[in-house]
Amino acid sequence: MTREQKFYKALQDVFIGVTIEGQGGFVNLMRIKSNYYRKIEELLKEDMEKALEK
């Protein structure tokens, strides 16, 4: 595992935490949070690549 992969894994663990299965309001909230993290991770990767190009 590369340093970059470790970084994103640690970030995901802090932001999302443990994956929860089932139904209910809290579980839905965790799914929304997980989807939001994926979008933020993509933006973060793009910004980091642009910064490293310079």
PDB file of N, CA and C in Angstrom:
ATOM      1  N   MET A   1       0.854  -1.169   0.000  1.00  0.00           N
ATOM      2  CA  MET A   1       0.000   0.000   0.000  1.00  0.00           C
ATOM      3  C   MET A   1       0.903   1.236   0.000  1.00  0.00           C
ATOM      4  N   THR A   2       0.606   2.162  -0.904  1.00  0.00           N
ATOM      5  CA  THR A   2       1.420   3.370  -1.003  1.00  0.00           C
ATOM      6  C   THR A   2       1.051   4.365   0.092  1.00  0.00           C
ATOM      7  N   ARG A   3       1.876   5.371   0.235  1.00  0.00           N
ATOM      8  CA  ARG A   3       1.592   6.419   1.228  1.00  0.00           C
ATOM      9  C   ARG A   3       0.286   7.138   0.904  1.00  0.00           C
ATOM     10  N   GLU A   4       0.051   7.352  -0.374  1.00  0.00           N
ATOM     11  CA  GLU A   4      -1.178   8.019  -0.797  1.00  0.00           C
ATOM     12  C   GLU A   4      -2.404   7.185  -0.420  1.00  0.00           C
ATOM     13  N   GLN A   5      -2.335   5.891  -0.662  1.00  0.00           N
ATOM     14  CA  GLN A   5      -3.442   5.008  -0.311  1.00  0.00           C
ATOM     15  C   GLN A   5      -3.663   4.983   1.200  1.00  0.00           C
ATOM     16  N   LYS A   6      -2.572   4.966   1.964  1.00  0.00           N
ATOM     17  CA  LYS A   6      -2.676   4.987   3.421  1.00  0.00           C
ATOM     18  C   LYS A   6      -3.318   6.281   3.903  1.00  0.00           C
ATOM     19  N   PHE A   7      -2.935   7.393   3.278  1.00  0.00           N
ATOM     20  CA  PHE A   7      -3.503   8.686   3.637  1.00  0.00           C
ATOM     21  C   PHE A   7      -5.013   8.701   3.425  1.00  0.00           C
ATOM     22  N   TYR A   8      -5.454   8.268   2.255  1.00  0.00           N
ATOM     23  CA  TYR A   8      -6.887   8.282   1.956  1.00  0.00           C
ATOM     24  C   TYR A   8      -7.653   7.273   2.814  1.00  0.00           C
ATOM     25  N   LYS A   9      -7.035   6.155   3.130  1.00  0.00           N
ATOM     26  CA  LYS A   9      -7.674   5.172   4.002  1.00  0.00           C
ATOM     27  C   LYS A   9      -7.855   5.746   5.407  1.00  0.00           C
ATOM     28  N   ALA A  10      -6.830   6.424   5.916  1.00  0.00           N
ATOM     29  CA  ALA A  10      -6.923   7.036   7.239  1.00  0.00           C
ATOM     30  C   ALA A  10      -7.971   8.145   7.251  1.00  0.00           C
ATOM     31  N   LEU A  11      -8.011   8.942   6.195  1.00  0.00           N
ATOM     32  CA  LEU A  11      -9.000  10.002   6.082  1.00  0.00           C
ATOM     33  C   LEU A  11     -10.409   9.429   6.054  1.00  0.00           C
ATOM     34  N   GLN A  12     -10.591   8.364   5.310  1.00  0.00           N
ATOM     35  CA  GLN A  12     -11.889   7.700   5.235  1.00  0.00           C
ATOM     36  C   GLN A  12     -12.283   7.129   6.593  1.00  0.00           C
ATOM     37  N   ASP A  13     -11.357   6.521   7.282  1.00  0.00           N
ATOM     38  CA  ASP A  13     -11.653   5.947   8.601  1.00  0.00           C
ATOM     39  C   ASP A  13     -12.092   7.019   9.597  1.00  0.00           C
ATOM     40  N   VAL A  14     -11.442   8.179   9.530  1.00  0.00           N
ATOM     41  CA  VAL A  14     -11.801   9.259  10.445  1.00  0.00           C
ATOM     42  C   VAL A  14     -13.162   9.847  10.073  1.00  0.00           C
ATOM     43  N   PHE A  15     -13.388  10.056   8.789  1.00  0.00           N
ATOM     44  CA  PHE A  15     -14.611  10.720   8.355  1.00  0.00           C
ATOM     45  C   PHE A  15     -15.828   9.812   8.416  1.00  0.00           C
ATOM     46  N   ILE A  16     -15.691   8.584   7.941  1.00  0.00           N
ATOM     47  CA  ILE A  16     -16.831   7.676   7.840  1.00  0.00           C
ATOM     48  C   ILE A  16     -16.916   6.744   9.034  1.00  0.00           C
ATOM     49  N   GLY A  17     -15.810   6.171   9.431  1.00  0.00           N
ATOM     50  CA  GLY A  17     -15.830   5.207  10.527  1.00  0.00           C
ATOM     51  C   GLY A  17     -16.214   3.833  10.024  1.00  0.00           C
ATOM     52  N   VAL A  18     -16.880   3.081  10.861  1.00  0.00           N
ATOM     53  CA  VAL A  18     -17.259   1.708  10.553  1.00  0.00           C
ATOM     54  C   VAL A  18     -18.483   1.698   9.651  1.00  0.00           C
ATOM     55  N   THR A  19     -18.489   0.800   8.672  1.00  0.00           N
ATOM     56  CA  THR A  19     -19.639   0.650   7.796  1.00  0.00           C
ATOM     57  C   THR A  19     -20.784   0.004   8.567  1.00  0.00           C
ATOM     58  N   ILE A  20     -21.956   0.609   8.454  1.00  0.00           N
ATOM     59  CA  ILE A  20     -23.132   0.126   9.183  1.00  0.00           C
ATOM     60  C   ILE A  20     -24.153  -0.394   8.187  1.00  0.00           C
ATOM     61  N   GLU A  21     -24.716  -1.539   8.485  1.00  0.00           N
ATOM     62  CA  GLU A  21     -25.748  -2.136   7.644  1.00  0.00           C
ATOM     63  C   GLU A  21     -27.085  -2.074   8.367  1.00  0.00           C
ATOM     64  N   GLY A  22     -28.158  -2.134   7.614  1.00  0.00           N
ATOM     65  CA  GLY A  22     -29.491  -2.160   8.203  1.00  0.00           C
ATOM     66  C   GLY A  22     -30.340  -1.029   7.682  1.00  0.00           C
ATOM     67  N   GLN A  23     -31.358  -0.697   8.437  1.00  0.00           N
ATOM     68  CA  GLN A  23     -32.274   0.367   8.047  1.00  0.00           C
ATOM     69  C   GLN A  23     -32.470   1.310   9.215  1.00  0.00           C
ATOM     70  N   GLY A  24     -32.956   2.488   8.902  1.00  0.00           N
ATOM     71  CA  GLY A  24     -33.233   3.469   9.940  1.00  0.00           C
ATOM     72  C   GLY A  24     -32.610   4.799   9.596  1.00  0.00           C
ATOM     73  N   GLY A  25     -32.969   5.797  10.356  1.00  0.00           N
ATOM     74  CA  GLY A  25     -32.491   7.153  10.103  1.00  0.00           C
ATOM     75  C   GLY A  25     -30.994   7.297  10.240  1.00  0.00           C
ATOM     76  N   PHE A  26     -30.419   6.692  11.264  1.00  0.00           N
ATOM     77  CA  PHE A  26     -28.977   6.806  11.479  1.00  0.00           C
ATOM     78  C   PHE A  26     -28.197   6.131  10.356  1.00  0.00           C
ATOM     79  N   VAL A  27     -28.669   4.977   9.921  1.00  0.00           N
ATOM     80  CA  VAL A  27     -27.996   4.257   8.842  1.00  0.00           C
ATOM     81  C   VAL A  27     -28.068   5.064   7.549  1.00  0.00           C
ATOM     82  N   ASN A  28     -29.203   5.670   7.280  1.00  0.00           N
ATOM     83  CA  ASN A  28     -29.337   6.520   6.094  1.00  0.00           C
ATOM     84  C   ASN A  28     -28.386   7.710   6.166  1.00  0.00           C
ATOM     85  N   LEU A  29     -28.270   8.298   7.348  1.00  0.00           N
ATOM     86  CA  LEU A  29     -27.351   9.409   7.533  1.00  0.00           C
ATOM     87  C   LEU A  29     -25.913   8.981   7.251  1.00  0.00           C
ATOM     88  N   MET A  30     -25.532   7.802   7.709  1.00  0.00           N
ATOM     89  CA  MET A  30     -24.173   7.295   7.464  1.00  0.00           C
ATOM     90  C   MET A  30     -23.934   7.035   5.978  1.00  0.00           C
ATOM     91  N   ARG A  31     -24.949   6.568   5.268  1.00  0.00           N
ATOM     92  CA  ARG A  31     -24.814   6.372   3.811  1.00  0.00           C
ATOM     93  C   ARG A  31     -24.615   7.701   3.102  1.00  0.00           C
ATOM     94  N   ILE A  32     -25.373   8.706   3.510  1.00  0.00           N
ATOM     95  CA  ILE A  32     -25.236  10.044   2.925  1.00  0.00           C
ATOM     96  C   ILE A  32     -23.838  10.585   3.200  1.00  0.00           C
ATOM     97  N   LYS A  33     -23.367  10.411   4.414  1.00  0.00           N
ATOM     98  CA  LYS A  33     -22.034  10.868   4.802  1.00  0.00           C
ATOM     99  C   LYS A  33     -20.962  10.163   3.983  1.00  0.00           C
ATOM    100  N   SER A  34     -21.143   8.868   3.735  1.00  0.00           N
ATOM    101  CA  SER A  34     -20.190   8.097   2.951  1.00  0.00           C
ATOM    102  C   SER A  34     -20.148   8.587   1.502  1.00  0.00           C
ATOM    103  N   ASN A  35     -21.309   8.843   0.916  1.00  0.00           N
ATOM    104  CA  ASN A  35     -21.366   9.360  -0.456  1.00  0.00           C
ATOM    105  C   ASN A  35     -20.736  10.743  -0.551  1.00  0.00           C
ATOM    106  N   TYR A  36     -20.985  11.578   0.455  1.00  0.00           N
ATOM    107  CA  TYR A  36     -20.399  12.912   0.499  1.00  0.00           C
ATOM    108  C   TYR A  36     -18.879  12.811   0.564  1.00  0.00           C
ATOM    109  N   TYR A  37     -18.366  11.886   1.369  1.00  0.00           N
ATOM    110  CA  TYR A  37     -16.915  11.714   1.487  1.00  0.00           C
ATOM    111  C   TYR A  37     -16.301  11.348   0.133  1.00  0.00           C
ATOM    112  N   ARG A  38     -16.963  10.479  -0.608  1.00  0.00           N
ATOM    113  CA  ARG A  38     -16.419  10.070  -1.917  1.00  0.00           C
ATOM    114  C   ARG A  38     -16.256  11.270  -2.843  1.00  0.00           C
ATOM    115  N   LYS A  39     -17.240  12.179  -2.829  1.00  0.00           N
ATOM    116  CA  LYS A  39     -17.154  13.380  -3.663  1.00  0.00           C
ATOM    117  C   LYS A  39     -16.014  14.280  -3.201  1.00  0.00           C
ATOM    118  N   ILE A  40     -15.900  14.445  -1.898  1.00  0.00           N
ATOM    119  CA  ILE A  40     -14.840  15.286  -1.344  1.00  0.00           C
ATOM    120  C   ILE A  40     -13.467  14.683  -1.643  1.00  0.00           C
ATOM    121  N   GLU A  41     -13.362  13.359  -1.568  1.00  0.00           N
ATOM    122  CA  GLU A  41     -12.089  12.694  -1.854  1.00  0.00           C
ATOM    123  C   GLU A  41     -11.669  12.948  -3.299  1.00  0.00           C
ATOM    124  N   GLU A  42     -12.600  12.887  -4.235  1.00  0.00           N
ATOM    125  CA  GLU A  42     -12.277  13.156  -5.641  1.00  0.00           C
ATOM    126  C   GLU A  42     -11.767  14.582  -5.814  1.00  0.00           C
ATOM    127  N   LEU A  43     -12.450  15.548  -5.202  1.00  0.00           N
ATOM    128  CA  LEU A  43     -12.019  16.943  -5.290  1.00  0.00           C
ATOM    129  C   LEU A  43     -10.654  17.140  -4.660  1.00  0.00           C
ATOM    130  N   LEU A  44     -10.422  16.501  -3.535  1.00  0.00           N
ATOM    131  CA  LEU A  44      -9.136  16.600  -2.854  1.00  0.00           C
ATOM    132  C   LEU A  44      -8.011  16.039  -3.717  1.00  0.00           C
ATOM    133  N   LYS A  45      -8.250  14.906  -4.348  1.00  0.00           N
ATOM    134  CA  LYS A  45      -7.235  14.307  -5.220  1.00  0.00           C
ATOM    135  C   LYS A  45      -6.909  15.235  -6.382  1.00  0.00           C
ATOM    136  N   GLU A  46      -7.945  15.830  -6.993  1.00  0.00           N
ATOM    137  CA  GLU A  46      -7.724  16.748  -8.108  1.00  0.00           C
ATOM    138  C   GLU A  46      -6.902  17.955  -7.663  1.00  0.00           C
ATOM    139  N   ASP A  47      -7.267  18.527  -6.513  1.00  0.00           N
ATOM    140  CA  ASP A  47      -6.531  19.693  -6.005  1.00  0.00           C
ATOM    141  C   ASP A  47      -5.085  19.357  -5.678  1.00  0.00           C
ATOM    142  N   MET A  48      -4.855  18.179  -5.114  1.00  0.00           N
ATOM    143  CA  MET A  48      -3.488  17.785  -4.783  1.00  0.00           C
ATOM    144  C   MET A  48      -2.656  17.564  -6.036  1.00  0.00           C
ATOM    145  N   GLU A  49      -3.250  16.969  -7.069  1.00  0.00           N
ATOM    146  CA  GLU A  49      -2.522  16.767  -8.321  1.00  0.00           C
ATOM    147  C   GLU A  49      -2.152  18.093  -8.963  1.00  0.00           C
ATOM    148  N   LYS A  50      -3.083  19.057  -8.938  1.00  0.00           N
ATOM    149  CA  LYS A  50      -2.797  20.388  -9.496  1.00  0.00           C
ATOM    150  C   LYS A  50      -1.675  21.068  -8.720  1.00  0.00           C
ATOM    151  N   ALA A  51      -1.706  20.951  -7.412  1.00  0.00           N
ATOM    152  CA  ALA A  51      -0.667  21.569  -6.577  1.00  0.00           C
ATOM    153  C   ALA A  51       0.687  20.940  -6.827  1.00  0.00           C
ATOM    154  N   LEU A  52       0.718  19.635  -7.057  1.00  0.00           N
ATOM    155  CA  LEU A  52       1.994  18.950  -7.285  1.00  0.00           C
ATOM    156  C   LEU A  52       2.555  19.236  -8.666  1.00  0.00           C
ATOM    157  N   GLU A  53       1.711  19.606  -9.621  1.00  0.00           N
ATOM    158  CA  GLU A  53       2.187  19.942 -10.965  1.00  0.00           C
ATOM    159  C   GLU A  53       3.034  21.192 -10.944  1.00  0.00           C
ATOM    160  N   LYS A  54       2.683  22.122 -10.065  1.00  0.00           N
ATOM    161  CA  LYS A  54       3.417  23.389  -9.978  1.00  0.00           C
ATOM    162  C   LYS A  54       4.681  23.172  -9.251  1.00  0.00           C
TER     163      LYS A  54
END
